[in-house]
Amino acid sequence: MPAIGVIIFELRLDESHSLKDKRHYVKSLKDRLRSKFNVSVAEIDGQDTWQRSVVAVATVSADQSHAAQVLENVERDAASLLGRMLVGVSTEWLA
């Protein structure tokens, strides 16, 4: 049975002093995760605030164990890239 997994990252960007700064951090994260893991990535909240962002990453797989492994790798990579900017992580399964 196909599985759709979504991992949601809450970011606090204290070093960001403008929307332009924030977009640089978010774009860098999105581009890295897309190219490295072949996942869909979107900023889903906080688009107009310059020190907060919520980014969702989705993957679809033929089996849930593979999708779970992909999301674990995504979380590990994002955590190492973001460090203390990553303040929350949650995972949801849609199928």
PDB file of N, CA and C in Angstrom:
ATOM      1  N   MET A   1       0.848  -1.181   0.000  1.00  0.00           N
ATOM      2  CA  MET A   1       0.000   0.000   0.000  1.00  0.00           C
ATOM      3  C   MET A   1       0.891   1.241   0.000  1.00  0.00           C
ATOM      4  N   PRO A   2       0.602   2.210  -0.846  1.00  0.00           N
ATOM      5  CA  PRO A   2       1.422   3.420  -0.908  1.00  0.00           C
ATOM      6  C   PRO A   2       1.362   4.218   0.400  1.00  0.00           C
ATOM      7  N   ALA A   3       2.456   4.910   0.675  1.00  0.00           N
ATOM      8  CA  ALA A   3       2.547   5.720   1.890  1.00  0.00           C
ATOM      9  C   ALA A   3       2.947   7.142   1.521  1.00  0.00           C
ATOM     10  N   ILE A   4       2.295   8.100   2.166  1.00  0.00           N
ATOM     11  CA  ILE A   4       2.627   9.517   2.000  1.00  0.00           C
ATOM     12  C   ILE A   4       3.019  10.044   3.369  1.00  0.00           C
ATOM     13  N   GLY A   5       4.260  10.468   3.480  1.00  0.00           N
ATOM     14  CA  GLY A   5       4.768  10.990   4.750  1.00  0.00           C
ATOM     15  C   GLY A   5       5.114  12.457   4.628  1.00  0.00           C
ATOM     16  N   VAL A   6       4.802  13.196   5.677  1.00  0.00           N
ATOM     17  CA  VAL A   6       5.097  14.633   5.713  1.00  0.00           C
ATOM     18  C   VAL A   6       5.805  14.937   7.020  1.00  0.00           C
ATOM     19  N   ILE A   7       6.934  15.620   6.912  1.00  0.00           N
ATOM     20  CA  ILE A   7       7.642  16.082   8.098  1.00  0.00           C
ATOM     21  C   ILE A   7       7.599  17.605   8.094  1.00  0.00           C
ATOM     22  N   ILE A   8       7.301  18.173   9.245  1.00  0.00           N
ATOM     23  CA  ILE A   8       7.136  19.625   9.358  1.00  0.00           C
ATOM     24  C   ILE A   8       8.198  20.164  10.304  1.00  0.00           C
ATOM     25  N   PHE A   9       8.932  21.158   9.804  1.00  0.00           N
ATOM     26  CA  PHE A   9       9.993  21.808  10.580  1.00  0.00           C
ATOM     27  C   PHE A   9       9.548  23.210  10.976  1.00  0.00           C
ATOM     28  N   GLU A  10       9.661  23.516  12.266  1.00  0.00           N
ATOM     29  CA  GLU A  10       9.444  24.873  12.749  1.00  0.00           C
ATOM     30  C   GLU A  10      10.806  25.521  12.930  1.00  0.00           C
ATOM     31  N   LEU A  11      10.984  26.676  12.319  1.00  0.00           N
ATOM     32  CA  LEU A  11      12.268  27.365  12.375  1.00  0.00           C
ATOM     33  C   LEU A  11      12.126  28.699  13.097  1.00  0.00           C
ATOM     34  N   ARG A  12      13.117  29.025  13.901  1.00  0.00           N
ATOM     35  CA  ARG A  12      13.234  30.353  14.497  1.00  0.00           C
ATOM     36  C   ARG A  12      14.569  30.913  14.018  1.00  0.00           C
ATOM     37  N   LEU A  13      14.498  31.968  13.247  1.00  0.00           N
ATOM     38  CA  LEU A  13      15.671  32.524  12.574  1.00  0.00           C
ATOM     39  C   LEU A  13      16.097  33.814  13.251  1.00  0.00           C
ATOM     40  N   ASP A  14      16.726  33.692  14.423  1.00  0.00           N
ATOM     41  CA  ASP A  14      17.137  34.862  15.195  1.00  0.00           C
ATOM     42  C   ASP A  14      18.165  35.715  14.453  1.00  0.00           C
ATOM     43  N   GLU A  15      18.976  35.084  13.587  1.00  0.00           N
ATOM     44  CA  GLU A  15      20.005  35.812  12.855  1.00  0.00           C
ATOM     45  C   GLU A  15      19.438  36.609  11.678  1.00  0.00           C
ATOM     46  N   SER A  16      18.196  36.362  11.342  1.00  0.00           N
ATOM     47  CA  SER A  16      17.552  37.038  10.214  1.00  0.00           C
ATOM     48  C   SER A  16      17.077  38.423  10.645  1.00  0.00           C
ATOM     49  N   HIS A  17      17.412  39.432   9.829  1.00  0.00           N
ATOM     50  CA  HIS A  17      17.020  40.800  10.154  1.00  0.00           C
ATOM     51  C   HIS A  17      16.090  41.411   9.118  1.00  0.00           C
ATOM     52  N   SER A  18      15.679  40.593   8.146  1.00  0.00           N
ATOM     53  CA  SER A  18      14.745  41.051   7.115  1.00  0.00           C
ATOM     54  C   SER A  18      14.144  39.828   6.439  1.00  0.00           C
ATOM     55  N   LEU A  19      13.093  40.054   5.665  1.00  0.00           N
ATOM     56  CA  LEU A  19      12.506  38.961   4.895  1.00  0.00           C
ATOM     57  C   LEU A  19      13.516  38.396   3.896  1.00  0.00           C
ATOM     58  N   LYS A  20      14.367  39.259   3.367  1.00  0.00           N
ATOM     59  CA  LYS A  20      15.386  38.811   2.412  1.00  0.00           C
ATOM     60  C   LYS A  20      16.351  37.832   3.087  1.00  0.00           C
ATOM     61  N   ASP A  21      16.794  38.145   4.298  1.00  0.00           N
ATOM     62  CA  ASP A  21      17.658  37.222   5.051  1.00  0.00           C
ATOM     63  C   ASP A  21      16.955  35.882   5.266  1.00  0.00           C
ATOM     64  N   LYS A  22      15.704  35.950   5.713  1.00  0.00           N
ATOM     65  CA  LYS A  22      14.947  34.745   6.001  1.00  0.00           C
ATOM     66  C   LYS A  22      14.780  33.894   4.750  1.00  0.00           C
ATOM     67  N   ARG A  23      14.438  34.518   3.661  1.00  0.00           N
ATOM     68  CA  ARG A  23      14.232  33.771   2.415  1.00  0.00           C
ATOM     69  C   ARG A  23      15.509  33.075   1.969  1.00  0.00           C
ATOM     70  N   HIS A  24      16.662  33.679   2.263  1.00  0.00           N
ATOM     71  CA  HIS A  24      17.936  33.045   1.939  1.00  0.00           C
ATOM     72  C   HIS A  24      18.085  31.717   2.692  1.00  0.00           C
ATOM     73  N   TYR A  25      17.814  31.725   4.005  1.00  0.00           N
ATOM     74  CA  TYR A  25      17.889  30.510   4.808  1.00  0.00           C
ATOM     75  C   TYR A  25      16.904  29.451   4.312  1.00  0.00           C
ATOM     76  N   VAL A  26      15.665  29.867   4.088  1.00  0.00           N
ATOM     77  CA  VAL A  26      14.620  28.927   3.696  1.00  0.00           C
ATOM     78  C   VAL A  26      14.889  28.354   2.308  1.00  0.00           C
ATOM     79  N   LYS A  27      15.286  29.200   1.376  1.00  0.00           N
ATOM     80  CA  LYS A  27      15.572  28.725   0.018  1.00  0.00           C
ATOM     81  C   LYS A  27      16.737  27.743   0.020  1.00  0.00           C
ATOM     82  N   SER A  28      17.756  28.031   0.800  1.00  0.00           N
ATOM     83  CA  SER A  28      18.900  27.136   0.904  1.00  0.00           C
ATOM     84  C   SER A  28      18.465  25.759   1.420  1.00  0.00           C
ATOM     85  N   LEU A  29      17.642  25.736   2.457  1.00  0.00           N
ATOM     86  CA  LEU A  29      17.133  24.484   3.006  1.00  0.00           C
ATOM     87  C   LEU A  29      16.297  23.738   1.972  1.00  0.00           C
ATOM     88  N   LYS A  30      15.368  24.436   1.340  1.00  0.00           N
ATOM     89  CA  LYS A  30      14.492  23.797   0.363  1.00  0.00           C
ATOM     90  C   LYS A  30      15.286  23.201  -0.795  1.00  0.00           C
ATOM     91  N   ASP A  31      16.209  23.968  -1.346  1.00  0.00           N
ATOM     92  CA  ASP A  31      17.006  23.493  -2.481  1.00  0.00           C
ATOM     93  C   ASP A  31      17.844  22.273  -2.099  1.00  0.00           C
ATOM     94  N   ARG A  32      18.447  22.322  -0.922  1.00  0.00           N
ATOM     95  CA  ARG A  32      19.291  21.207  -0.475  1.00  0.00           C
ATOM     96  C   ARG A  32      18.476  19.927  -0.313  1.00  0.00           C
ATOM     97  N   LEU A  33      17.326  20.015   0.353  1.00  0.00           N
ATOM     98  CA  LEU A  33      16.519  18.824   0.592  1.00  0.00           C
ATOM     99  C   LEU A  33      15.945  18.260  -0.708  1.00  0.00           C
ATOM    100  N   ARG A  34      15.507  19.136  -1.597  1.00  0.00           N
ATOM    101  CA  ARG A  34      14.981  18.672  -2.889  1.00  0.00           C
ATOM    102  C   ARG A  34      16.039  17.904  -3.678  1.00  0.00           C
ATOM    103  N   SER A  35      17.227  18.482  -3.778  1.00  0.00           N
ATOM    104  CA  SER A  35      18.253  17.861  -4.609  1.00  0.00           C
ATOM    105  C   SER A  35      18.837  16.602  -3.966  1.00  0.00           C
ATOM    106  N   LYS A  36      18.984  16.598  -2.661  1.00  0.00           N
ATOM    107  CA  LYS A  36      19.632  15.471  -1.986  1.00  0.00           C
ATOM    108  C   LYS A  36      18.704  14.274  -1.791  1.00  0.00           C
ATOM    109  N   PHE A  37      17.407  14.531  -1.557  1.00  0.00           N
ATOM    110  CA  PHE A  37      16.484  13.454  -1.202  1.00  0.00           C
ATOM    111  C   PHE A  37      15.326  13.260  -2.175  1.00  0.00           C
ATOM    112  N   ASN A  38      15.215  14.077  -3.196  1.00  0.00           N
ATOM    113  CA  ASN A  38      14.129  13.972  -4.173  1.00  0.00           C
ATOM    114  C   ASN A  38      12.759  14.001  -3.486  1.00  0.00           C
ATOM    115  N   VAL A  39      12.544  15.023  -2.668  1.00  0.00           N
ATOM    116  CA  VAL A  39      11.294  15.203  -1.933  1.00  0.00           C
ATOM    117  C   VAL A  39      10.664  16.531  -2.349  1.00  0.00           C
ATOM    118  N   SER A  40       9.394  16.690  -2.012  1.00  0.00           N
ATOM    119  CA  SER A  40       8.715  17.966  -2.228  1.00  0.00           C
ATOM    120  C   SER A  40       8.858  18.805  -0.974  1.00  0.00           C
ATOM    121  N   VAL A  41       9.162  20.096  -1.149  1.00  0.00           N
ATOM    122  CA  VAL A  41       9.405  20.981  -0.009  1.00  0.00           C
ATOM    123  C   VAL A  41       8.682  22.298  -0.246  1.00  0.00           C
ATOM    124  N   ALA A  42       8.011  22.812   0.800  1.00  0.00           N
ATOM    125  CA  ALA A  42       7.330  24.098   0.693  1.00  0.00           C
ATOM    126  C   ALA A  42       7.309  24.792   2.042  1.00  0.00           C
ATOM    127  N   GLU A  43       7.409  26.112   2.004  1.00  0.00           N
ATOM    128  CA  GLU A  43       7.195  26.907   3.214  1.00  0.00           C
ATOM    129  C   GLU A  43       5.685  27.044   3.362  1.00  0.00           C
ATOM    130  N   ILE A  44       5.140  26.573   4.484  1.00  0.00           N
ATOM    131  CA  ILE A  44       3.681  26.526   4.623  1.00  0.00           C
ATOM    132  C   ILE A  44       3.122  27.536   5.622  1.00  0.00           C
ATOM    133  N   ASP A  45       3.996  28.224   6.346  1.00  0.00           N
ATOM    134  CA  ASP A  45       3.517  29.233   7.289  1.00  0.00           C
ATOM    135  C   ASP A  45       4.663  30.189   7.606  1.00  0.00           C
ATOM    136  N   GLY A  46       4.304  31.384   8.026  1.00  0.00           N
ATOM    137  CA  GLY A  46       5.293  32.379   8.413  1.00  0.00           C
ATOM    138  C   GLY A  46       5.929  33.107   7.255  1.00  0.00           C
ATOM    139  N   GLN A  47       5.292  33.097   6.086  1.00  0.00           N
ATOM    140  CA  GLN A  47       5.904  33.716   4.912  1.00  0.00           C
ATOM    141  C   GLN A  47       6.154  35.216   5.078  1.00  0.00           C
ATOM    142  N   ASP A  48       5.355  35.887   5.872  1.00  0.00           N
ATOM    143  CA  ASP A  48       5.496  37.336   6.015  1.00  0.00           C
ATOM    144  C   ASP A  48       6.188  37.762   7.307  1.00  0.00           C
ATOM    145  N   THR A  49       6.692  36.809   8.063  1.00  0.00           N
ATOM    146  CA  THR A  49       7.444  37.152   9.267  1.00  0.00           C
ATOM    147  C   THR A  49       8.907  36.827   9.014  1.00  0.00           C
ATOM    148  N   TRP A  50       9.801  37.645   9.513  1.00  0.00           N
ATOM    149  CA  TRP A  50      11.205  37.479   9.150  1.00  0.00           C
ATOM    150  C   TRP A  50      12.035  36.684  10.141  1.00  0.00           C
ATOM    151  N   GLN A  51      11.451  36.214  11.237  1.00  0.00           N
ATOM    152  CA  GLN A  51      12.227  35.380  12.155  1.00  0.00           C
ATOM    153  C   GLN A  51      11.549  34.049  12.452  1.00  0.00           C
ATOM    154  N   ARG A  52      10.556  33.694  11.649  1.00  0.00           N
ATOM    155  CA  ARG A  52       9.834  32.446  11.872  1.00  0.00           C
ATOM    156  C   ARG A  52       9.447  31.844  10.535  1.00  0.00           C
ATOM    157  N   SER A  53       9.515  30.522  10.454  1.00  0.00           N
ATOM    158  CA  SER A  53       9.103  29.825   9.244  1.00  0.00           C
ATOM    159  C   SER A  53       8.673  28.416   9.596  1.00  0.00           C
ATOM    160  N   VAL A  54       7.740  27.885   8.824  1.00  0.00           N
ATOM    161  CA  VAL A  54       7.331  26.489   8.935  1.00  0.00           C
ATOM    162  C   VAL A  54       7.486  25.884   7.550  1.00  0.00           C
ATOM    163  N   VAL A  55       8.293  24.823   7.473  1.00  0.00           N
ATOM    164  CA  VAL A  55       8.604  24.180   6.201  1.00  0.00           C
ATOM    165  C   VAL A  55       8.132  22.737   6.261  1.00  0.00           C
ATOM    166  N   ALA A  56       7.405  22.304   5.209  1.00  0.00           N
ATOM    167  CA  ALA A  56       6.931  20.925   5.120  1.00  0.00           C
ATOM    168  C   ALA A  56       7.688  20.193   4.022  1.00  0.00           C
ATOM    169  N   VAL A  57       8.007  18.937   4.306  1.00  0.00           N
ATOM    170  CA  VAL A  57       8.698  18.067   3.348  1.00  0.00           C
ATOM    171  C   VAL A  57       7.832  16.823   3.190  1.00  0.00           C
ATOM    172  N   ALA A  58       7.532  16.459   1.936  1.00  0.00           N
ATOM    173  CA  ALA A  58       6.680  15.298   1.678  1.00  0.00           C
ATOM    174  C   ALA A  58       7.380  14.289   0.791  1.00  0.00           C
ATOM    175  N   THR A  59       7.090  13.027   1.061  1.00  0.00           N
ATOM    176  CA  THR A  59       7.588  11.944   0.211  1.00  0.00           C
ATOM    177  C   THR A  59       6.474  10.928  -0.003  1.00  0.00           C
ATOM    178  N   VAL A  60       6.504  10.276  -1.151  1.00  0.00           N
ATOM    179  CA  VAL A  60       5.545   9.229  -1.490  1.00  0.00           C
ATOM    180  C   VAL A  60       6.350   7.989  -1.849  1.00  0.00           C
ATOM    181  N   SER A  61       5.934   6.852  -1.318  1.00  0.00           N
ATOM    182  CA  SER A  61       6.666   5.614  -1.578  1.00  0.00           C
ATOM    183  C   SER A  61       5.690   4.445  -1.657  1.00  0.00           C
ATOM    184  N   ALA A  62       6.151   3.366  -2.258  1.00  0.00           N
ATOM    185  CA  ALA A  62       5.337   2.158  -2.355  1.00  0.00           C
ATOM    186  C   ALA A  62       5.147   1.495  -0.995  1.00  0.00           C
ATOM    187  N   ASP A  63       6.089   1.695  -0.076  1.00  0.00           N
ATOM    188  CA  ASP A  63       5.914   1.132   1.263  1.00  0.00           C
ATOM    189  C   ASP A  63       6.328   2.148   2.328  1.00  0.00           C
ATOM    190  N   GLN A  64       5.704   2.029   3.478  1.00  0.00           N
ATOM    191  CA  GLN A  64       5.900   3.007   4.545  1.00  0.00           C
ATOM    192  C   GLN A  64       7.305   2.957   5.135  1.00  0.00           C
ATOM    193  N   SER A  65       7.925   1.799   5.164  1.00  0.00           N
ATOM    194  CA  SER A  65       9.263   1.718   5.755  1.00  0.00           C
ATOM    195  C   SER A  65      10.275   2.527   4.942  1.00  0.00           C
ATOM    196  N   HIS A  66      10.143   2.496   3.626  1.00  0.00           N
ATOM    197  CA  HIS A  66      11.045   3.301   2.793  1.00  0.00           C
ATOM    198  C   HIS A  66      10.780   4.789   2.995  1.00  0.00           C
ATOM    199  N   ALA A  67       9.512   5.179   3.011  1.00  0.00           N
ATOM    200  CA  ALA A  67       9.163   6.583   3.231  1.00  0.00           C
ATOM    201  C   ALA A  67       9.661   7.057   4.590  1.00  0.00           C
ATOM    202  N   ALA A  68       9.544   6.219   5.615  1.00  0.00           N
ATOM    203  CA  ALA A  68      10.007   6.581   6.956  1.00  0.00           C
ATOM    204  C   ALA A  68      11.514   6.780   6.960  1.00  0.00           C
ATOM    205  N   GLN A  69      12.241   5.923   6.243  1.00  0.00           N
ATOM    206  CA  GLN A  69      13.699   6.064   6.163  1.00  0.00           C
ATOM    207  C   GLN A  69      14.081   7.366   5.483  1.00  0.00           C
ATOM    208  N   VAL A  70      13.381   7.713   4.411  1.00  0.00           N
ATOM    209  CA  VAL A  70      13.650   8.977   3.707  1.00  0.00           C
ATOM    210  C   VAL A  70      13.427  10.156   4.649  1.00  0.00           C
ATOM    211  N   LEU A  71      12.303  10.155   5.363  1.00  0.00           N
ATOM    212  CA  LEU A  71      12.007  11.277   6.261  1.00  0.00           C
ATOM    213  C   LEU A  71      12.992  11.350   7.429  1.00  0.00           C
ATOM    214  N   GLU A  72      13.459  10.209   7.921  1.00  0.00           N
ATOM    215  CA  GLU A  72      14.479  10.216   8.982  1.00  0.00           C
ATOM    216  C   GLU A  72      15.776  10.850   8.476  1.00  0.00           C
ATOM    217  N   ASN A  73      16.147  10.508   7.255  1.00  0.00           N
ATOM    218  CA  ASN A  73      17.359  11.089   6.668  1.00  0.00           C
ATOM    219  C   ASN A  73      17.200  12.587   6.432  1.00  0.00           C
ATOM    220  N   VAL A  74      16.018  12.993   5.997  1.00  0.00           N
ATOM    221  CA  VAL A  74      15.735  14.414   5.796  1.00  0.00           C
ATOM    222  C   VAL A  74      15.846  15.156   7.123  1.00  0.00           C
ATOM    223  N   GLU A  75      15.249  14.598   8.179  1.00  0.00           N
ATOM    224  CA  GLU A  75      15.303  15.241   9.497  1.00  0.00           C
ATOM    225  C   GLU A  75      16.735  15.364   9.994  1.00  0.00           C
ATOM    226  N   ARG A  76      17.511  14.318   9.847  1.00  0.00           N
ATOM    227  CA  ARG A  76      18.910  14.332  10.295  1.00  0.00           C
ATOM    228  C   ARG A  76      19.701  15.410   9.550  1.00  0.00           C
ATOM    229  N   ASP A  77      19.510  15.480   8.229  1.00  0.00           N
ATOM    230  CA  ASP A  77      20.237  16.453   7.426  1.00  0.00           C
ATOM    231  C   ASP A  77      19.812  17.887   7.773  1.00  0.00           C
ATOM    232  N   ALA A  78      18.515  18.097   7.910  1.00  0.00           N
ATOM    233  CA  ALA A  78      18.016  19.432   8.249  1.00  0.00           C
ATOM    234  C   ALA A  78      18.519  19.863   9.624  1.00  0.00           C
ATOM    235  N   ALA A  79      18.522  18.947  10.581  1.00  0.00           N
ATOM    236  CA  ALA A  79      18.998  19.272  11.920  1.00  0.00           C
ATOM    237  C   ALA A  79      20.474  19.655  11.908  1.00  0.00           C
ATOM    238  N   SER A  80      21.267  18.949  11.113  1.00  0.00           N
ATOM    239  CA  SER A  80      22.693  19.283  11.063  1.00  0.00           C
ATOM    240  C   SER A  80      22.922  20.615  10.353  1.00  0.00           C
ATOM    241  N   LEU A  81      22.107  20.925   9.368  1.00  0.00           N
ATOM    242  CA  LEU A  81      22.232  22.192   8.642  1.00  0.00           C
ATOM    243  C   LEU A  81      21.740  23.373   9.480  1.00  0.00           C
ATOM    244  N   LEU A  82      20.600  23.201  10.146  1.00  0.00           N
ATOM    245  CA  LEU A  82      19.952  24.316  10.838  1.00  0.00           C
ATOM    246  C   LEU A  82      20.441  24.521  12.269  1.00  0.00           C
ATOM    247  N   GLY A  83      20.866  23.470  12.924  1.00  0.00           N
ATOM    248  CA  GLY A  83      21.301  23.603  14.318  1.00  0.00           C
ATOM    249  C   GLY A  83      20.189  24.118  15.206  1.00  0.00           C
ATOM    250  N   ARG A  84      20.497  25.162  15.981  1.00  0.00           N
ATOM    251  CA  ARG A  84      19.511  25.677  16.943  1.00  0.00           C
ATOM    252  C   ARG A  84      18.380  26.466  16.304  1.00  0.00           C
ATOM    253  N   MET A  85      18.454  26.710  14.995  1.00  0.00           N
ATOM    254  CA  MET A  85      17.333  27.372  14.305  1.00  0.00           C
ATOM    255  C   MET A  85      16.118  26.453  14.209  1.00  0.00           C
ATOM    256  N   LEU A  86      16.342  25.143  14.301  1.00  0.00           N
ATOM    257  CA  LEU A  86      15.265  24.164  14.241  1.00  0.00           C
ATOM    258  C   LEU A  86      14.680  24.009  15.642  1.00  0.00           C
ATOM    259  N   VAL A  87      13.443  24.471  15.834  1.00  0.00           N
ATOM    260  CA  VAL A  87      12.855  24.457  17.170  1.00  0.00           C
ATOM    261  C   VAL A  87      11.716  23.434  17.324  1.00  0.00           C
ATOM    262  N   GLY A  88      11.275  22.846  16.220  1.00  0.00           N
ATOM    263  CA  GLY A  88      10.212  21.850  16.317  1.00  0.00           C
ATOM    264  C   GLY A  88      10.157  20.971  15.087  1.00  0.00           C
ATOM    265  N   VAL A  89       9.826  19.690  15.315  1.00  0.00           N
ATOM    266  CA  VAL A  89       9.708  18.729  14.221  1.00  0.00           C
ATOM    267  C   VAL A  89       8.499  17.830  14.519  1.00  0.00           C
ATOM    268  N   SER A  90       7.675  17.606  13.497  1.00  0.00           N
ATOM    269  CA  SER A  90       6.584  16.643  13.632  1.00  0.00           C
ATOM    270  C   SER A  90       6.424  15.890  12.314  1.00  0.00           C
ATOM    271  N   THR A  91       5.972  14.649  12.419  1.00  0.00           N
ATOM    272  CA  THR A  91       5.783  13.805  11.250  1.00  0.00           C
ATOM    273  C   THR A  91       4.339  13.339  11.197  1.00  0.00           C
ATOM    274  N   GLU A  92       3.781  13.326   9.990  1.00  0.00           N
ATOM    275  CA  GLU A  92       2.402  12.862   9.788  1.00  0.00           C
ATOM    276  C   GLU A  92       2.379  11.877   8.642  1.00  0.00           C
ATOM    277  N   TRP A  93       1.476  10.902   8.738  1.00  0.00           N
ATOM    278  CA  TRP A  93       1.272   9.915   7.677  1.00  0.00           C
ATOM    279  C   TRP A  93      -0.120  10.090   7.115  1.00  0.00           C
ATOM    280  N   LEU A  94      -0.190  10.235   5.796  1.00  0.00           N
ATOM    281  CA  LEU A  94      -1.473  10.490   5.159  1.00  0.00           C
ATOM    282  C   LEU A  94      -2.082   9.240   4.526  1.00  0.00           C
ATOM    283  N   ALA A  95      -1.294   8.215   4.329  1.00  0.00           N
ATOM    284  CA  ALA A  95      -1.835   6.979   3.761  1.00  0.00           C
ATOM    285  C   ALA A  95      -1.040   5.795   4.262  1.00  0.00           C
TER     286      ALA A  95
END
